[in-house]
Amino acid sequence: RLMGTEIDVGQDVKDKPPTLISQNNAIELQPTVAGCPLVTDFALGPLPYRLAISAEGSLQTVTPLSAGEAQSAIACLIQSAGFEFEAAMSDGTPVTDDSLLIIVDVIESKLAGPDR
């Protein structure tokens, strides 16, 4: 019980969440070309990431929700993938938002060379 204290409740509710406008369901990236570490563990299973999208619709940060070298390498690849977004809207104004969660399945390309 709180006495003599005013509680100010804020909500992080947007009129419209950020929206992916790229049409890529699967992406193939070359880590060495993107400047990212190589992913060597392909038995990771689905990996969750939190994306922060700027008010301009660009991808600001990719945060893995589980720890590990492969998770950080995949975050680097997501950052370099060139995804396009519509920014979140709050009261009709574009705003930065970090509530977008994605799940990534990592598979090894059978055509992969040493730089993939």
C-alpha atoms as a PDB file:
ATOM      1  CA  ARG A   1       0.000   0.000   0.000  1.00  0.00           C
ATOM      2  CA  LEU A   2       1.340   3.419  -0.962  1.00  0.00           C
ATOM      3  CA  MET A   3       0.342   6.411   1.089  1.00  0.00           C
ATOM      4  CA  GLY A   4       1.049  10.045   0.304  1.00  0.00           C
ATOM      5  CA  THR A   5       2.575   9.193  -3.061  1.00  0.00           C
ATOM      6  CA  GLU A   6       1.158  10.070  -6.437  1.00  0.00           C
ATOM      7  CA  ILE A   7       1.633   7.298  -8.958  1.00  0.00           C
ATOM      8  CA  ASP A   8       1.950   8.375 -12.581  1.00  0.00           C
ATOM      9  CA  VAL A   9       1.120   5.511 -14.892  1.00  0.00           C
ATOM     10  CA  GLY A  10       2.389   5.716 -18.471  1.00  0.00           C
ATOM     11  CA  GLN A  11       1.566   3.411 -21.321  1.00  0.00           C
ATOM     12  CA  ASP A  12       3.745   2.373 -24.187  1.00  0.00           C
ATOM     13  CA  VAL A  13       0.853   1.878 -26.587  1.00  0.00           C
ATOM     14  CA  LYS A  14       1.201   3.016 -30.177  1.00  0.00           C
ATOM     15  CA  ASP A  15      -1.543   3.777 -32.698  1.00  0.00           C
ATOM     16  CA  LYS A  16       0.317   1.492 -35.106  1.00  0.00           C
ATOM     17  CA  PRO A  17       3.335  -0.718 -34.407  1.00  0.00           C
ATOM     18  CA  PRO A  18       6.357  -0.749 -36.725  1.00  0.00           C
ATOM     19  CA  THR A  19       5.698  -2.787 -39.857  1.00  0.00           C
ATOM     20  CA  LEU A  20       8.094  -4.726 -42.053  1.00  0.00           C
ATOM     21  CA  ILE A  21       7.599  -3.596 -45.659  1.00  0.00           C
ATOM     22  CA  SER A  22      10.372  -5.708 -47.213  1.00  0.00           C
ATOM     23  CA  GLN A  23       9.003  -8.784 -48.950  1.00  0.00           C
ATOM     24  CA  ASN A  24      11.825 -11.132 -47.920  1.00  0.00           C
ATOM     25  CA  ASN A  25      10.679 -14.240 -46.074  1.00  0.00           C
ATOM     26  CA  ALA A  26      14.131 -15.778 -46.273  1.00  0.00           C
ATOM     27  CA  ILE A  27      17.455 -14.047 -46.656  1.00  0.00           C
ATOM     28  CA  GLU A  28      20.849 -15.351 -47.669  1.00  0.00           C
ATOM     29  CA  LEU A  29      23.775 -13.340 -46.441  1.00  0.00           C
ATOM     30  CA  GLN A  30      27.525 -13.546 -46.750  1.00  0.00           C
ATOM     31  CA  PRO A  31      29.047 -12.760 -43.349  1.00  0.00           C
ATOM     32  CA  THR A  32      32.471 -11.765 -44.665  1.00  0.00           C
ATOM     33  CA  VAL A  33      30.923  -9.349 -47.172  1.00  0.00           C
ATOM     34  CA  ALA A  34      28.720  -7.854 -44.431  1.00  0.00           C
ATOM     35  CA  GLY A  35      31.652  -7.631 -41.993  1.00  0.00           C
ATOM     36  CA  CYS A  36      30.011 -10.071 -39.564  1.00  0.00           C
ATOM     37  CA  PRO A  37      31.479 -13.102 -37.793  1.00  0.00           C
ATOM     38  CA  LEU A  38      30.838 -16.510 -39.349  1.00  0.00           C
ATOM     39  CA  VAL A  39      27.945 -18.568 -38.021  1.00  0.00           C
ATOM     40  CA  THR A  40      29.221 -22.086 -37.396  1.00  0.00           C
ATOM     41  CA  ASP A  41      26.472 -23.559 -35.201  1.00  0.00           C
ATOM     42  CA  PHE A  42      23.460 -24.388 -37.359  1.00  0.00           C
ATOM     43  CA  ALA A  43      21.673 -26.467 -34.724  1.00  0.00           C
ATOM     44  CA  LEU A  44      20.478 -23.476 -32.742  1.00  0.00           C
ATOM     45  CA  GLY A  45      16.738 -23.718 -33.292  1.00  0.00           C
ATOM     46  CA  PRO A  46      14.502 -20.640 -33.460  1.00  0.00           C
ATOM     47  CA  LEU A  47      16.204 -17.543 -32.012  1.00  0.00           C
ATOM     48  CA  PRO A  48      14.288 -14.488 -30.720  1.00  0.00           C
ATOM     49  CA  TYR A  49      15.473 -10.915 -31.348  1.00  0.00           C
ATOM     50  CA  ARG A  50      14.107  -7.486 -30.398  1.00  0.00           C
ATOM     51  CA  LEU A  51      14.334  -4.824 -33.110  1.00  0.00           C
ATOM     52  CA  ALA A  52      14.366  -1.085 -32.537  1.00  0.00           C
ATOM     53  CA  ILE A  53      12.917   0.870 -35.472  1.00  0.00           C
ATOM     54  CA  SER A  54      13.568   4.606 -35.768  1.00  0.00           C
ATOM     55  CA  ALA A  55      10.944   7.256 -36.441  1.00  0.00           C
ATOM     56  CA  GLU A  56      12.307   7.313 -40.022  1.00  0.00           C
ATOM     57  CA  GLY A  57      11.696   3.559 -40.425  1.00  0.00           C
ATOM     58  CA  SER A  58      15.306   2.406 -40.299  1.00  0.00           C
ATOM     59  CA  LEU A  59      16.563  -0.506 -38.243  1.00  0.00           C
ATOM     60  CA  GLN A  60      18.470   0.969 -35.293  1.00  0.00           C
ATOM     61  CA  THR A  61      19.372  -2.015 -33.148  1.00  0.00           C
ATOM     62  CA  VAL A  62      19.030  -5.790 -33.135  1.00  0.00           C
ATOM     63  CA  THR A  63      19.183  -7.331 -29.671  1.00  0.00           C
ATOM     64  CA  PRO A  64      19.403 -11.104 -29.234  1.00  0.00           C
ATOM     65  CA  LEU A  65      17.141 -12.320 -26.420  1.00  0.00           C
ATOM     66  CA  SER A  66      19.500 -15.209 -25.691  1.00  0.00           C
ATOM     67  CA  ALA A  67      23.262 -15.059 -25.221  1.00  0.00           C
ATOM     68  CA  GLY A  68      25.961 -16.600 -27.373  1.00  0.00           C
ATOM     69  CA  GLU A  69      28.478 -15.941 -30.120  1.00  0.00           C
ATOM     70  CA  ALA A  70      26.186 -17.253 -32.856  1.00  0.00           C
ATOM     71  CA  GLN A  71      23.312 -15.066 -31.632  1.00  0.00           C
ATOM     72  CA  SER A  72      25.519 -11.961 -31.861  1.00  0.00           C
ATOM     73  CA  ALA A  73      26.757 -12.963 -35.326  1.00  0.00           C
ATOM     74  CA  ILE A  74      23.166 -13.444 -36.517  1.00  0.00           C
ATOM     75  CA  ALA A  75      22.202 -10.047 -35.029  1.00  0.00           C
ATOM     76  CA  CYS A  76      24.970  -8.513 -37.160  1.00  0.00           C
ATOM     77  CA  LEU A  77      23.576 -10.266 -40.265  1.00  0.00           C
ATOM     78  CA  ILE A  78      20.024  -9.070 -39.535  1.00  0.00           C
ATOM     79  CA  GLN A  79      21.348  -5.518 -39.148  1.00  0.00           C
ATOM     80  CA  SER A  80      23.017  -5.721 -42.572  1.00  0.00           C
ATOM     81  CA  ALA A  81      20.108  -7.425 -44.387  1.00  0.00           C
ATOM     82  CA  GLY A  82      18.550  -4.202 -45.682  1.00  0.00           C
ATOM     83  CA  PHE A  83      15.072  -4.730 -44.225  1.00  0.00           C
ATOM     84  CA  GLU A  84      12.684  -1.800 -44.697  1.00  0.00           C
ATOM     85  CA  PHE A  85      10.086  -0.746 -42.142  1.00  0.00           C
ATOM     86  CA  GLU A  86       7.256   1.704 -41.661  1.00  0.00           C
ATOM     87  CA  ALA A  87       7.777   3.476 -38.350  1.00  0.00           C
ATOM     88  CA  ALA A  88       5.422   3.062 -35.416  1.00  0.00           C
ATOM     89  CA  MET A  89       2.839   5.839 -35.075  1.00  0.00           C
ATOM     90  CA  SER A  90       1.692   7.526 -31.885  1.00  0.00           C
ATOM     91  CA  ASP A  91      -0.963  10.233 -32.122  1.00  0.00           C
ATOM     92  CA  GLY A  92      -0.334  10.396 -35.873  1.00  0.00           C
ATOM     93  CA  THR A  93       3.405  11.040 -35.449  1.00  0.00           C
ATOM     94  CA  PRO A  94       6.175   8.562 -36.385  1.00  0.00           C
ATOM     95  CA  VAL A  95       8.059   7.435 -33.262  1.00  0.00           C
ATOM     96  CA  THR A  96      11.012   5.227 -32.403  1.00  0.00           C
ATOM     97  CA  ASP A  97       9.865   1.842 -31.143  1.00  0.00           C
ATOM     98  CA  ASP A  98      11.692  -1.198 -29.782  1.00  0.00           C
ATOM     99  CA  SER A  99       8.748  -3.543 -29.347  1.00  0.00           C
ATOM    100  CA  LEU A 100       9.169  -5.551 -32.560  1.00  0.00           C
ATOM    101  CA  LEU A 101      10.092  -9.154 -31.831  1.00  0.00           C
ATOM    102  CA  ILE A 102      11.212 -11.573 -34.527  1.00  0.00           C
ATOM    103  CA  ILE A 103      12.072 -15.272 -34.513  1.00  0.00           C
ATOM    104  CA  VAL A 104      14.940 -16.381 -36.747  1.00  0.00           C
ATOM    105  CA  ASP A 105      15.496 -19.934 -37.948  1.00  0.00           C
ATOM    106  CA  VAL A 106      19.084 -20.478 -39.057  1.00  0.00           C
ATOM    107  CA  ILE A 107      19.740 -23.069 -41.731  1.00  0.00           C
ATOM    108  CA  GLU A 108      22.954 -23.925 -43.475  1.00  0.00           C
ATOM    109  CA  SER A 109      22.944 -23.391 -47.215  1.00  0.00           C
ATOM    110  CA  LYS A 110      24.026 -26.486 -49.084  1.00  0.00           C
ATOM    111  CA  LEU A 111      25.594 -24.158 -51.633  1.00  0.00           C
ATOM    112  CA  ALA A 112      27.484 -22.222 -49.001  1.00  0.00           C
ATOM    113  CA  GLY A 113      31.104 -21.515 -49.633  1.00  0.00           C
ATOM    114  CA  PRO A 114      33.707 -20.657 -46.998  1.00  0.00           C
ATOM    115  CA  ASP A 115      32.443 -17.073 -46.660  1.00  0.00           C
ATOM    116  CA  ARG A 116      28.806 -17.907 -45.788  1.00  0.00           C
END
